[in-house]
PDB file of all heavy atoms in Angstrom:
ATOM      1  N   ASP A   1      52.733-188.502 129.155  1.00  0.00           N
ATOM      2  CA  ASP A   1      51.859-187.407 128.742  1.00  0.00           C
ATOM      3  C   ASP A   1      52.051-186.227 129.678  1.00  0.00           C
ATOM      4  O   ASP A   1      51.817-186.338 130.890  1.00  0.00           O
ATOM      5  CB  ASP A   1      50.406-187.884 128.768  1.00  0.00           C
ATOM      6  CG  ASP A   1      49.430-186.858 128.216  1.00  0.00           C
ATOM      7  OD1 ASP A   1      49.826-185.690 128.011  1.00  0.00           O
ATOM      8  OD2 ASP A   1      48.260-187.216 128.007  1.00  0.00           O
ATOM      9  N   GLY A   2      52.466-185.077 129.122  1.00  0.00           N
ATOM     10  CA  GLY A   2      52.717-183.898 129.944  1.00  0.00           C
ATOM     11  C   GLY A   2      51.506-183.383 130.691  1.00  0.00           C
ATOM     12  O   GLY A   2      51.648-182.620 131.652  1.00  0.00           O
ATOM     13  N   ALA A   3      50.289-183.796 130.300  1.00  0.00           N
ATOM     14  CA  ALA A   3      49.084-183.342 130.998  1.00  0.00           C
ATOM     15  C   ALA A   3      49.072-183.791 132.453  1.00  0.00           C
ATOM     16  O   ALA A   3      48.425-183.160 133.297  1.00  0.00           O
ATOM     17  CB  ALA A   3      47.842-183.857 130.278  1.00  0.00           C
ATOM     18  N   THR A   4      49.792-184.882 132.772  1.00  0.00           N
ATOM     19  CA  THR A   4      49.822-185.374 134.153  1.00  0.00           C
ATOM     20  C   THR A   4      50.393-184.336 135.106  1.00  0.00           C
ATOM     21  O   THR A   4      50.011-184.277 136.273  1.00  0.00           O
ATOM     22  CB  THR A   4      50.646-186.676 134.231  1.00  0.00           C
ATOM     23  OG1 THR A   4      50.033-187.650 133.385  1.00  0.00           O
ATOM     24  CG2 THR A   4      50.712-187.214 135.652  1.00  0.00           C
ATOM     25  N   ARG A   5      51.309-183.508 134.640  1.00  0.00           N
ATOM     26  CA  ARG A   5      51.860-182.463 135.507  1.00  0.00           C
ATOM     27  C   ARG A   5      51.338-181.079 135.123  1.00  0.00           C
ATOM     28  O   ARG A   5      51.961-180.057 135.408  1.00  0.00           O
ATOM     29  CB  ARG A   5      53.386-182.493 135.488  1.00  0.00           C
ATOM     30  CG  ARG A   5      54.049-182.170 134.168  1.00  0.00           C
ATOM     31  CD  ARG A   5      55.566-182.213 134.323  1.00  0.00           C
ATOM     32  NE  ARG A   5      56.262-181.741 133.125  1.00  0.00           N
ATOM     33  CZ  ARG A   5      57.579-181.785 132.974  1.00  0.00           C
ATOM     34  NH1 ARG A   5      58.339-182.269 133.944  1.00  0.00           N
ATOM     35  NH2 ARG A   5      58.153-181.330 131.878  1.00  0.00           N
ATOM     36  N   GLY A   6      50.208-181.053 134.436  1.00  0.00           N
ATOM     37  CA  GLY A   6      49.566-179.784 134.121  1.00  0.00           C
ATOM     38  C   GLY A   6      50.077-179.107 132.878  1.00  0.00           C
ATOM     39  O   GLY A   6      49.785-177.926 132.655  1.00  0.00           O
ATOM     40  N   GLY A   7      50.846-179.816 132.050  1.00  0.00           N
ATOM     41  CA  GLY A   7      51.383-179.230 130.833  1.00  0.00           C
ATOM     42  C   GLY A   7      50.790-179.882 129.606  1.00  0.00           C
ATOM     43  O   GLY A   7      49.630-180.308 129.596  1.00  0.00           O
ATOM     44  N   SER A   8      51.593-179.989 128.571  1.00  0.00           N
ATOM     45  CA  SER A   8      51.152-180.625 127.336  1.00  0.00           C
ATOM     46  C   SER A   8      52.349-181.263 126.660  1.00  0.00           C
ATOM     47  O   SER A   8      53.498-181.078 127.085  1.00  0.00           O
ATOM     48  CB  SER A   8      50.512-179.597 126.397  1.00  0.00           C
ATOM     49  OG  SER A   8      51.445-178.576 126.067  1.00  0.00           O
ATOM     50  N   GLY A   9      52.090-182.013 125.601  1.00  0.00           N
ATOM     51  CA  GLY A   9      53.163-182.658 124.860  1.00  0.00           C
ATOM     52  C   GLY A   9      53.725-183.857 125.585  1.00  0.00           C
ATOM     53  O   GLY A   9      53.175-184.337 126.584  1.00  0.00           O
ATOM     54  N   LEU A  10      54.844-184.336 125.084  1.00  0.00           N
ATOM     55  CA  LEU A  10      55.476-185.534 125.599  1.00  0.00           C
ATOM     56  C   LEU A  10      56.623-185.159 126.529  1.00  0.00           C
ATOM     57  O   LEU A  10      57.438-184.297 126.208  1.00  0.00           O
ATOM     58  CB  LEU A  10      55.997-186.364 124.429  1.00  0.00           C
ATOM     59  CG  LEU A  10      56.315-187.831 124.670  1.00  0.00           C
ATOM     60  CD1 LEU A  10      55.054-188.615 125.009  1.00  0.00           C
ATOM     61  CD2 LEU A  10      57.001-188.419 123.436  1.00  0.00           C
ATOM     62  N   VAL A  11      56.690-185.806 127.680  1.00  0.00           N
ATOM     63  CA  VAL A  11      57.787-185.627 128.629  1.00  0.00           C
ATOM     64  C   VAL A  11      58.627-186.899 128.605  1.00  0.00           C
ATOM     65  O   VAL A  11      58.127-187.982 128.916  1.00  0.00           O
ATOM     66  CB  VAL A  11      57.273-185.357 130.047  1.00  0.00           C
ATOM     67  CG1 VAL A  11      58.447-185.242 131.030  1.00  0.00           C
ATOM     68  CG2 VAL A  11      56.424-184.099 130.082  1.00  0.00           C
ATOM     69  N   VAL A  12      59.894-186.784 128.202  1.00  0.00           N
ATOM     70  CA  VAL A  12      60.789-187.940 128.126  1.00  0.00           C
ATOM     71  C   VAL A  12      61.902-187.771 129.164  1.00  0.00           C
ATOM     72  O   VAL A  12      62.612-186.756 129.156  1.00  0.00           O
ATOM     73  CB  VAL A  12      61.388-188.106 126.724  1.00  0.00           C
ATOM     74  CG1 VAL A  12      62.329-189.305 126.687  1.00  0.00           C
ATOM     75  CG2 VAL A  12      60.276-188.265 125.682  1.00  0.00           C
ATOM     76  N   SER A  13      62.036-188.753 130.042  1.00  0.00           N
ATOM     77  CA  SER A  13      63.012-188.690 131.132  1.00  0.00           C
ATOM     78  C   SER A  13      63.993-189.847 131.017  1.00  0.00           C
ATOM     79  O   SER A  13      63.594-190.980 130.740  1.00  0.00           O
ATOM     80  CB  SER A  13      62.299-188.753 132.487  1.00  0.00           C
ATOM     81  OG  SER A  13      61.313-187.749 132.587  1.00  0.00           O
ATOM     82  N   PRO A  14      65.287-189.571 131.234  1.00  0.00           N
ATOM     83  CA  PRO A  14      66.280-190.647 131.144  1.00  0.00           C
ATOM     84  C   PRO A  14      66.338-191.494 132.402  1.00  0.00           C
ATOM     85  O   PRO A  14      66.173-190.996 133.520  1.00  0.00           O
ATOM     86  CB  PRO A  14      67.589-189.882 130.935  1.00  0.00           C
ATOM     87  CG  PRO A  14      67.362-188.581 131.662  1.00  0.00           C
ATOM     88  CD  PRO A  14      65.907-188.259 131.487  1.00  0.00           C
ATOM     89  N   VAL A  15      66.564-192.784 132.213  1.00  0.00           N
ATOM     90  CA  VAL A  15      66.724-193.715 133.325  1.00  0.00           C
ATOM     91  C   VAL A  15      67.949-194.579 133.045  1.00  0.00           C
ATOM     92  O   VAL A  15      68.132-195.054 131.923  1.00  0.00           O
ATOM     93  CB  VAL A  15      65.485-194.617 133.497  1.00  0.00           C
ATOM     94  CG1 VAL A  15      65.695-195.603 134.650  1.00  0.00           C
ATOM     95  CG2 VAL A  15      64.239-193.787 133.740  1.00  0.00           C
ATOM     96  N   ARG A  16      68.762-194.788 134.072  1.00  0.00           N
ATOM     97  CA  ARG A  16      69.917-195.672 133.964  1.00  0.00           C
ATOM     98  C   ARG A  16      69.888-196.639 135.147  1.00  0.00           C
ATOM     99  O   ARG A  16      69.695-196.209 136.287  1.00  0.00           O
ATOM    100  CB  ARG A  16      71.218-194.859 133.954  1.00  0.00           C
ATOM    101  CG  ARG A  16      71.372-194.012 132.693  1.00  0.00           C
ATOM    102  CD  ARG A  16      72.496-193.015 132.794  1.00  0.00           C
ATOM    103  NE  ARG A  16      72.272-191.997 133.801  1.00  0.00           N
ATOM    104  CZ  ARG A  16      71.447-190.960 133.655  1.00  0.00           C
ATOM    105  NH1 ARG A  16      70.744-190.823 132.551  1.00  0.00           N
ATOM    106  NH2 ARG A  16      71.317-190.068 134.607  1.00  0.00           N
ATOM    107  N   VAL A  17      70.061-197.918 134.835  1.00  0.00           N
ATOM    108  CA  VAL A  17      69.963-198.962 135.860  1.00  0.00           C
ATOM    109  C   VAL A  17      71.197-199.855 135.786  1.00  0.00           C
ATOM    110  O   VAL A  17      71.630-200.243 134.697  1.00  0.00           O
ATOM    111  CB  VAL A  17      68.699-199.826 135.668  1.00  0.00           C
ATOM    112  CG1 VAL A  17      68.603-200.863 136.795  1.00  0.00           C
ATOM    113  CG2 VAL A  17      67.447-198.964 135.631  1.00  0.00           C
ATOM    114  N   ARG A  18      71.727-200.179 136.946  1.00  0.00           N
ATOM    115  CA  ARG A  18      72.827-201.142 137.065  1.00  0.00           C
ATOM    116  C   ARG A  18      72.412-202.186 138.086  1.00  0.00           C
ATOM    117  O   ARG A  18      72.024-201.840 139.216  1.00  0.00           O
ATOM    118  CB  ARG A  18      74.097-200.424 137.519  1.00  0.00           C
ATOM    119  CG  ARG A  18      75.331-201.321 137.565  1.00  0.00           C
ATOM    120  CD  ARG A  18      76.566-200.525 137.947  1.00  0.00           C
ATOM    121  NE  ARG A  18      76.543-200.073 139.324  1.00  0.00           N
ATOM    122  CZ  ARG A  18      76.313-198.830 139.717  1.00  0.00           C
ATOM    123  NH1 ARG A  18      76.069-197.882 138.831  1.00  0.00           N
ATOM    124  NH2 ARG A  18      76.319-198.508 141.004  1.00  0.00           N
ATOM    125  N   SER A  19      72.441-203.463 137.676  1.00  0.00           N
ATOM    126  CA  SER A  19      71.975-204.497 138.594  1.00  0.00           C
ATOM    127  C   SER A  19      72.382-205.883 138.113  1.00  0.00           C
ATOM    128  O   SER A  19      72.439-206.125 136.901  1.00  0.00           O
ATOM    129  CB  SER A  19      70.448-204.456 138.706  1.00  0.00           C
ATOM    130  OG  SER A  19      69.970-205.495 139.530  1.00  0.00           O
ATOM    131  N   PRO A  20      72.613-206.822 139.026  1.00  0.00           N
ATOM    132  CA  PRO A  20      72.626-208.224 138.625  1.00  0.00           C
ATOM    133  C   PRO A  20      71.198-208.630 138.244  1.00  0.00           C
ATOM    134  O   PRO A  20      70.243-208.287 138.943  1.00  0.00           O
ATOM    135  CB  PRO A  20      73.092-208.966 139.886  1.00  0.00           C
ATOM    136  CG  PRO A  20      73.627-207.910 140.794  1.00  0.00           C
ATOM    137  CD  PRO A  20      72.915-206.650 140.460  1.00  0.00           C
ATOM    138  N   LEU A  21      71.049-209.356 137.137  1.00  0.00           N
ATOM    139  CA  LEU A  21      69.732-209.813 136.686  1.00  0.00           C
ATOM    140  C   LEU A  21      69.698-211.333 136.659  1.00  0.00           C
ATOM    141  O   LEU A  21      70.667-211.988 136.258  1.00  0.00           O
ATOM    142  CB  LEU A  21      69.410-209.274 135.298  1.00  0.00           C
ATOM    143  CG  LEU A  21      69.109-207.788 135.168  1.00  0.00           C
ATOM    144  CD1 LEU A  21      68.817-207.439 133.714  1.00  0.00           C
ATOM    145  CD2 LEU A  21      67.926-207.385 136.056  1.00  0.00           C
ATOM    146  N   ALA A  22      68.569-211.893 137.065  1.00  0.00           N
ATOM    147  CA  ALA A  22      68.358-213.334 137.031  1.00  0.00           C
ATOM    148  C   ALA A  22      66.936-213.611 136.570  1.00  0.00           C
ATOM    149  O   ALA A  22      66.108-212.694 136.479  1.00  0.00           O
ATOM    150  CB  ALA A  22      68.603-213.942 138.411  1.00  0.00           C
ATOM    151  N   LEU A  23      66.659-214.869 136.263  1.00  0.00           N
ATOM    152  CA  LEU A  23      65.309-215.306 135.956  1.00  0.00           C
ATOM    153  C   LEU A  23      64.723-216.001 137.181  1.00  0.00           C
ATOM    154  O   LEU A  23      65.445-216.605 137.978  1.00  0.00           O
ATOM    155  CB  LEU A  23      65.302-216.267 134.772  1.00  0.00           C
ATOM    156  CG  LEU A  23      65.741-215.686 133.426  1.00  0.00           C
ATOM    157  CD1 LEU A  23      65.774-216.788 132.380  1.00  0.00           C
ATOM    158  CD2 LEU A  23      64.809-214.562 132.993  1.00  0.00           C
ATOM    159  N   ALA A  24      63.397-215.914 137.316  1.00  0.00           N
ATOM    160  CA  ALA A  24      62.732-216.543 138.455  1.00  0.00           C
ATOM    161  C   ALA A  24      61.468-217.246 137.991  1.00  0.00           C
ATOM    162  O   ALA A  24      60.905-216.930 136.940  1.00  0.00           O
ATOM    163  CB  ALA A  24      62.392-215.505 139.519  1.00  0.00           C
ATOM    164  N   ARG A  25      61.017-218.169 138.806  1.00  0.00           N
ATOM    165  CA  ARG A  25      59.698-218.761 138.630  1.00  0.00           C
ATOM    166  C   ARG A  25      58.767-218.065 139.623  1.00  0.00           C
ATOM    167  O   ARG A  25      59.048-218.029 140.819  1.00  0.00           O
ATOM    168  CB  ARG A  25      59.729-220.265 138.899  1.00  0.00           C
ATOM    169  CG  ARG A  25      58.412-220.968 138.554  1.00  0.00           C
ATOM    170  CD  ARG A  25      58.477-222.454 138.912  1.00  0.00           C
ATOM    171  NE  ARG A  25      59.566-223.122 138.220  1.00  0.00           N
ATOM    172  CZ  ARG A  25      59.507-223.531 136.957  1.00  0.00           C
ATOM    173  NH1 ARG A  25      58.411-223.321 136.237  1.00  0.00           N
ATOM    174  NH2 ARG A  25      60.537-224.153 136.420  1.00  0.00           N
ATOM    175  N   ALA A  26      57.671-217.513 139.113  1.00  0.00           N
ATOM    176  CA  ALA A  26      56.775-216.744 139.969  1.00  0.00           C
ATOM    177  C   ALA A  26      55.343-216.872 139.471  1.00  0.00           C
ATOM    178  O   ALA A  26      55.094-217.145 138.282  1.00  0.00           O
ATOM    179  CB  ALA A  26      57.189-215.276 140.007  1.00  0.00           C
ATOM    180  N   ARG A  27      54.407-216.658 140.363  1.00  0.00           N
ATOM    181  CA  ARG A  27      52.986-216.694 140.008  1.00  0.00           C
ATOM    182  C   ARG A  27      52.431-215.268 140.080  1.00  0.00           C
ATOM    183  O   ARG A  27      52.409-214.650 141.135  1.00  0.00           O
ATOM    184  CB  ARG A  27      52.219-217.605 140.956  1.00  0.00           C
ATOM    185  CG  ARG A  27      50.737-217.732 140.620  1.00  0.00           C
ATOM    186  CD  ARG A  27      50.058-218.737 141.526  1.00  0.00           C
ATOM    187  NE  ARG A  27      48.648-218.873 141.207  1.00  0.00           N
ATOM    188  CZ  ARG A  27      47.814-219.682 141.827  1.00  0.00           C
ATOM    189  NH1 ARG A  27      48.271-220.450 142.827  1.00  0.00           N
ATOM    190  NH2 ARG A  27      46.555-219.758 141.482  1.00  0.00           N
ATOM    191  N   TRP A  28      52.007-214.771 138.922  1.00  0.00           N
ATOM    192  CA  TRP A  28      51.438-213.435 138.806  1.00  0.00           C
ATOM    193  C   TRP A  28      49.911-213.549 138.750  1.00  0.00           C
ATOM    194  O   TRP A  28      49.375-214.319 137.940  1.00  0.00           O
ATOM    195  CB  TRP A  28      51.933-212.744 137.546  1.00  0.00           C
ATOM    196  CG  TRP A  28      53.402-212.499 137.505  1.00  0.00           C
ATOM    197  CD1 TRP A  28      54.384-213.415 137.262  1.00  0.00           C
ATOM    198  CD2 TRP A  28      54.068-211.249 137.698  1.00  0.00           C
ATOM    199  NE1 TRP A  28      55.623-212.822 137.291  1.00  0.00           N
ATOM    200  CE2 TRP A  28      55.459-211.480 137.554  1.00  0.00           C
ATOM    201  CE3 TRP A  28      53.625-209.950 137.953  1.00  0.00           C
ATOM    202  CZ2 TRP A  28      56.409-210.475 137.677  1.00  0.00           C
ATOM    203  CZ3 TRP A  28      54.556-208.938 138.078  1.00  0.00           C
ATOM    204  CH2 TRP A  28      55.930-209.195 137.943  1.00  0.00           C
ATOM    205  N   GLU A  29      49.215-212.781 139.574  1.00  0.00           N
ATOM    206  CA  GLU A  29      47.755-212.781 139.549  1.00  0.00           C
ATOM    207  C   GLU A  29      47.247-211.341 139.529  1.00  0.00           C
ATOM    208  O   GLU A  29      47.754-210.484 140.274  1.00  0.00           O
ATOM    209  CB  GLU A  29      47.182-213.532 140.748  1.00  0.00           C
ATOM    210  CG  GLU A  29      47.471-215.034 140.719  1.00  0.00           C
ATOM    211  CD  GLU A  29      46.700-215.795 141.780  1.00  0.00           C
ATOM    212  OE1 GLU A  29      46.123-215.137 142.681  1.00  0.00           O
ATOM    213  OE2 GLU A  29      46.683-217.033 141.709  1.00  0.00           O
ATOM    214  N   HIS A  30      46.243-211.091 138.678  1.00  0.00           N
ATOM    215  CA  HIS A  30      45.632-209.772 138.549  1.00  0.00           C
ATOM    216  C   HIS A  30      44.127-209.944 138.553  1.00  0.00           C
ATOM    217  O   HIS A  30      43.592-210.793 137.834  1.00  0.00           O
ATOM    218  CB  HIS A  30      46.090-209.084 137.262  1.00  0.00           C
ATOM    219  CG  HIS A  30      47.576-208.967 137.142  1.00  0.00           C
ATOM    220  ND1 HIS A  30      48.367-209.951 136.553  1.00  0.00           N
ATOM    221  CD2 HIS A  30      48.432-207.999 137.556  1.00  0.00           C
ATOM    222  CE1 HIS A  30      49.634-209.592 136.610  1.00  0.00           C
ATOM    223  NE2 HIS A  30      49.704-208.422 137.203  1.00  0.00           N
ATOM    224  N   VAL A  31      43.436-209.159 139.349  1.00  0.00           N
ATOM    225  CA  VAL A  31      41.985-209.276 139.466  1.00  0.00           C
ATOM    226  C   VAL A  31      41.333-208.835 138.157  1.00  0.00           C
ATOM    227  O   VAL A  31      41.596-207.723 137.678  1.00  0.00           O
ATOM    228  CB  VAL A  31      41.474-208.419 140.642  1.00  0.00           C
ATOM    229  CG1 VAL A  31      39.949-208.441 140.717  1.00  0.00           C
ATOM    230  CG2 VAL A  31      42.081-208.917 141.958  1.00  0.00           C
ATOM    231  N   PRO A  32      40.482-209.675 137.541  1.00  0.00           N
ATOM    232  CA  PRO A  32      39.913-209.329 136.235  1.00  0.00           C
ATOM    233  C   PRO A  32      39.128-208.036 136.217  1.00  0.00           C
ATOM    234  O   PRO A  32      39.112-207.324 135.206  1.00  0.00           O
ATOM    235  CB  PRO A  32      39.018-210.538 135.916  1.00  0.00           C
ATOM    236  CG  PRO A  32      39.594-211.665 136.718  1.00  0.00           C
ATOM    237  CD  PRO A  32      40.126-211.039 137.972  1.00  0.00           C
ATOM    238  N   THR A  33      38.464-207.711 137.318  1.00  0.00           N
ATOM    239  CA  THR A  33      37.650-206.499 137.367  1.00  0.00           C
ATOM    240  C   THR A  33      38.424-205.279 137.861  1.00  0.00           C
ATOM    241  O   THR A  33      37.859-204.196 137.977  1.00  0.00           O
ATOM    242  CB  THR A  33      36.428-206.713 138.272  1.00  0.00           C
ATOM    243  OG1 THR A  33      36.881-207.131 139.573  1.00  0.00           O
ATOM    244  CG2 THR A  33      35.510-207.777 137.689  1.00  0.00           C
ATOM    245  N   GLY A  34      39.698-205.454 138.148  1.00  0.00           N
ATOM    246  CA  GLY A  34      40.515-204.350 138.647  1.00  0.00           C
ATOM    247  C   GLY A  34      41.169-203.574 137.531  1.00  0.00           C
ATOM    248  O   GLY A  34      41.018-203.886 136.341  1.00  0.00           O
ATOM    249  N   PRO A  35      41.943-202.545 137.880  1.00  0.00           N
ATOM    250  CA  PRO A  35      42.576-201.698 136.860  1.00  0.00           C
ATOM    251  C   PRO A  35      43.633-202.407 136.029  1.00  0.00           C
ATOM    252  O   PRO A  35      43.998-201.913 134.964  1.00  0.00           O
ATOM    253  CB  PRO A  35      43.193-200.562 137.687  1.00  0.00           C
ATOM    254  CG  PRO A  35      43.335-201.114 139.073  1.00  0.00           C
ATOM    255  CD  PRO A  35      42.190-202.057 139.243  1.00  0.00           C
ATOM    256  N   LEU A  36      44.122-203.559 136.490  1.00  0.00           N
ATOM    257  CA  LEU A  36      45.082-204.337 135.707  1.00  0.00           C
ATOM    258  C   LEU A  36      44.433-205.586 135.115  1.00  0.00           C
ATOM    259  O   LEU A  36      45.102-206.581 134.830  1.00  0.00           O
ATOM    260  CB  LEU A  36      46.288-204.732 136.577  1.00  0.00           C
ATOM    261  CG  LEU A  36      47.086-203.561 137.169  1.00  0.00           C
ATOM    262  CD1 LEU A  36      48.296-204.078 137.940  1.00  0.00           C
ATOM    263  CD2 LEU A  36      47.531-202.585 136.083  1.00  0.00           C
ATOM    264  N   GLY A  37      43.127-205.506 134.885  1.00  0.00           N
ATOM    265  CA  GLY A  37      42.397-206.642 134.345  1.00  0.00           C
ATOM    266  C   GLY A  37      42.896-207.094 132.990  1.00  0.00           C
ATOM    267  O   GLY A  37      42.693-208.260 132.610  1.00  0.00           O
ATOM    268  N   PHE A  38      43.570-206.217 132.239  1.00  0.00           N
ATOM    269  CA  PHE A  38      44.097-206.618 130.930  1.00  0.00           C
ATOM    270  C   PHE A  38      45.220-207.645 131.043  1.00  0.00           C
ATOM    271  O   PHE A  38      45.611-208.258 130.043  1.00  0.00           O
ATOM    272  CB  PHE A  38      44.579-205.390 130.145  1.00  0.00           C
ATOM    273  CG  PHE A  38      45.610-204.553 130.850  1.00  0.00           C
ATOM    274  CD1 PHE A  38      46.954-204.805 130.697  1.00  0.00           C
ATOM    275  CD2 PHE A  38      45.219-203.511 131.673  1.00  0.00           C
ATOM    276  CE1 PHE A  38      47.912-204.039 131.344  1.00  0.00           C
ATOM    277  CE2 PHE A  38      46.159-202.725 132.329  1.00  0.00           C
ATOM    278  CZ  PHE A  38      47.503-202.988 132.167  1.00  0.00           C
ATOM    279  N   LEU A  39      45.732-207.854 132.268  1.00  0.00           N
ATOM    280  CA  LEU A  39      46.748-208.894 132.489  1.00  0.00           C
ATOM    281  C   LEU A  39      46.171-210.140 133.153  1.00  0.00           C
ATOM    282  O   LEU A  39      46.888-211.130 133.336  1.00  0.00           O
ATOM    283  CB  LEU A  39      47.882-208.348 133.360  1.00  0.00           C
ATOM    284  CG  LEU A  39      48.759-207.260 132.744  1.00  0.00           C
ATOM    285  CD1 LEU A  39      49.815-206.799 133.747  1.00  0.00           C
ATOM    286  CD2 LEU A  39      49.416-207.735 131.451  1.00  0.00           C
TER     287      LEU A  39
END
């Protein structure tokens, strides 16, 4: 949202990533009352 930088409309920025990728076993925790409570 362009309003974040004081403008309007949609701001679309390109991203390019190069990396080795793997899978992991991990424990994700998010506080229910925090800003990421939806997770």
